[in-house]
Every structure is written in structure tokens, then in C-alpha cells.
Amino acid sequence: MTIDAVSIDATAFLADFASMSTHGATAGGGVDRQAGTQADGQTRNWFRGLCEARGFEVRYDRIGNQFALLELVPGAPYIAIGSHLDSQPSGGRFDGAYGVLAAAHAAAAVRDAVPEDEAEFNIAVVNWFNEEGCRFKPSMMGSSVFTGKLDAEQALATRDPDGVTVREALQSLRTIGEASLDLAAYVEIHIEQGRSLEDAGATIGLVESTWGANKYEYTVHGEQAHTGATVIADRRDALFAASSMVVAAREVAEQFTDDDGMVITSCGEFTVYPNSPVVVANRVNLLMDLRSTDPQRLAAADADLRRRIEAIADRESVEIVRGAEHLWDAKAYDRAGMELARECAEGLGLPHRVVRTLAGHDSTNLKDLVPTIMLFVPSAEGISHNEREYTSDEDMIAGLRLLEAVVARAVTGHFVAPR
């Protein structure tokens, strides 16, 4: 079949996107759908209804991943398409959710367009559980369990700051089951969460590789004291030491960034105890991450940051304990998949360029299990994890057209060979 044989209903997609965006909507125009919350559950139920109305069979696995299945060839493996519906607190409407809804529309269109005798694979649309990792750590939890990188029981026992476990959250939403999936390949489309496509005037990003990332949880233990009565020399201030760690991380990023490469460091979470205006903090929990495309540069920056943290602990007479970690390497996506996506983009007349992803996505895990294609559409001004996050209707529809073309090729055996 030709690329042009696949047709879409742009009006229906945009209407569904507007409807989906009402779930967990915030006053600033974004959404708050943290994993396992009622808002997340409402969105999952809405998506289930949308898919079942279009002939999908919806199931859940043991970590709450949501599968909407279309059987085209009984007994054949699945081409999976998807992303995530959960969000950051006060997050954007597009991050993850666009990819899930686009997958459902693409799958339905491909089912209707591909002749029965040409299909080689079935189709699964996937909403991965807890990609964001803000309520439950680590991020990309659902795809990590699916790919065997994280033990399911360990993930289910993970607690949020209020002591609720993942298992309890999923059971309360009735979105936990025993489904499994025989996977042949995976395709994901996502907003870029950067501005390289917009700056280049491109509509499509063909993702060639991930950045490597080292993410660490730290706990700084000091000693509680009175802020007025305790002189500086007598303090073991956990907050000052933790703040020094944040500064050290920024200095490491600057030191290891030059014309040949870049390191990005961040502190995305910071919890102070007892958090009183007249008490020197006795404990701070924080999460730090380092990212780079160059494994050697990343390793050197990581080692330097550790040395700086040890020096901070000695200088401030505190104990700094590194806890859980979440690491992934810089690694290429499937070259044949990139070429297939490039051919489809050219066939549709869509301006495209090769990019790398700074952010983690569920495809980061899936590419280590099966051949995987990752696609981007532009993010206005590169804004993401923010209520002002925005991708134009035109760019969303262009991405949907490309996704449909890629999935049509994959389902008919032009990406991975039938078994």
C-alpha cells in the first residue's frame, strides 16, 4: 500500500484532544494528572471508552500499563504504539498525552486501510504507567517493569510521600490486571520538549539516540537547632549543605560543557525537614541528575560531582547519603526504523531533521527490548513540564499523518520481519 492510502480525520482528532485535556485541567491551561491519582484514573477511563467505541479490546497488566488491542492476524505479535497519559504537577496538555491519542487514531486508521491479506502483525496502543515519576519513583516505571528492568513487586510496593503504595493506587482505580503482550516492535511520537525543530523550521524530528542520564536520590542529615540562638560555627545545617550541592551541580555542568559536548545537571526535587522558619534543618531529601550524549564526559562529570559532594559533607559536618538511582546510557535507536520514518516523512512532504532526545521517554526502555522508532513534533519555544506547553494543531496533525504512515508500513512487515 502507498502512504497516501492512509487517511485521517483531523477534526475528530482535535475534538478528542480537547476532550481529553479537560481531565485534570488546571487554571493555567495545563493538566495535573499525576500517576495513580483520581485525575489519572478519569483520563484512563475516558481513553478506555474512546478505544472500546472504536473496536479495541482494553486490558491492564500487573503494573497498570493500559493496552488497547486490535487483532488483525490471530496469534501474530504486536506492533505497539504509545506514550503516557500521566503528567507532572501543573504540567502541559501535550507531553505524553498527544502520543497516546495519536496512537489510537493512527491504529484505527491503519486497521481500516490495510487489506486483511496484507497485515502481518496486530496493533497495541499503550498508555504506559507513571512515565513522569513525580508521585512514585522512578520515572518510566511502567515500561521499566514491562521490559524487565525493574521488578514488578518492588515497583508495586513503592510509596508516595503520603505512604500510599503503587499497588493501592492502581487497585483504587481498578486499572491493574494480568495482561501480557508479545511485542515485535514499538513506535512512539512525542512533543520535542526542546526548540531544535522550531529553530530549524522542521515539522518532524527523527530521533537517532538518547542522552545518557544518571539520576540519584540524596539525603542530607544535619542537626536541628535554633536559627537565632545557634551561631554559624556550631551548626550542622542540612539545608545549607544541600543548597551547596545544587550549586556544585551547576558548576559541574559549566565545567564539562564546551564546543565539543555538553553536560546538563539539575535538582528537580527538594524537601526540607522540619521546614520551620526558626529551625535549622536537620534533613533534606533531594534528587539530582546529570545528562550527556558522551558516556566518557558523563562519567567524568559524575565523578567530579561526587568529589564535590564529599567535600561539602566534610566542610559542613553533615552526612550525605546517596540512595536509589536510575541510570540509562546514551544509545541509538533502530537505524532501519529511522530510515523507514524518513521515507514516510519525505513521501508526505514533511520537513524533518535528525535529533537526539535530552528527556527520557518510555521508548528509552523499549528500544533495548525490540526495534523502536521515536518521532518528535515541535514544542513552541521549547517549553515543557509547564502549563504554557504548546504544539500547534497543524504540527499535531502532521505528526499523526506520519505516525499512521509508519505504522501502516510496520503492520505490513516493512519494519520488522514476520515470525
Foldseek 3Di string as FASTA:
>chain_A
DDLVLFDADLVVLVVVLVVLQVQQADPLQAHAFAFLDVSVLVSVVVVVVVLVVLPWDWAAAALQKIKTWDDLDPPFAEAEWAFADHAHGQFHSFFRPLRLSLLSRLLSRLVVRDDSVLFQHIYIRIHFTAQPCPFWDDHLVRLCCLLVNDPSVVQQQTHGPVGDGSVNSCVVSVRYDHDHGRHAEYETEGAQLAAPCVVVVFLKAWEWKAWWKKKWKKKKFWDKDFQVPDDQVRGLASVVLVVQLQVLQVVLQVVLDDPVWGKDKDKDDKDFPPPDPGMRTRMIIIMMMMIILDPVSRVVSVVSSVVSSVVSCVVSVIDMDIDDMDIAHIDTADPLLSVLLVVLCVSVVGGYDYDHHHDDTSVSSVRVPHHYTYMHGYWVNSDTRHSPTDDDSVSSVSVSSSVSSSVSCVRSQNRHHTD
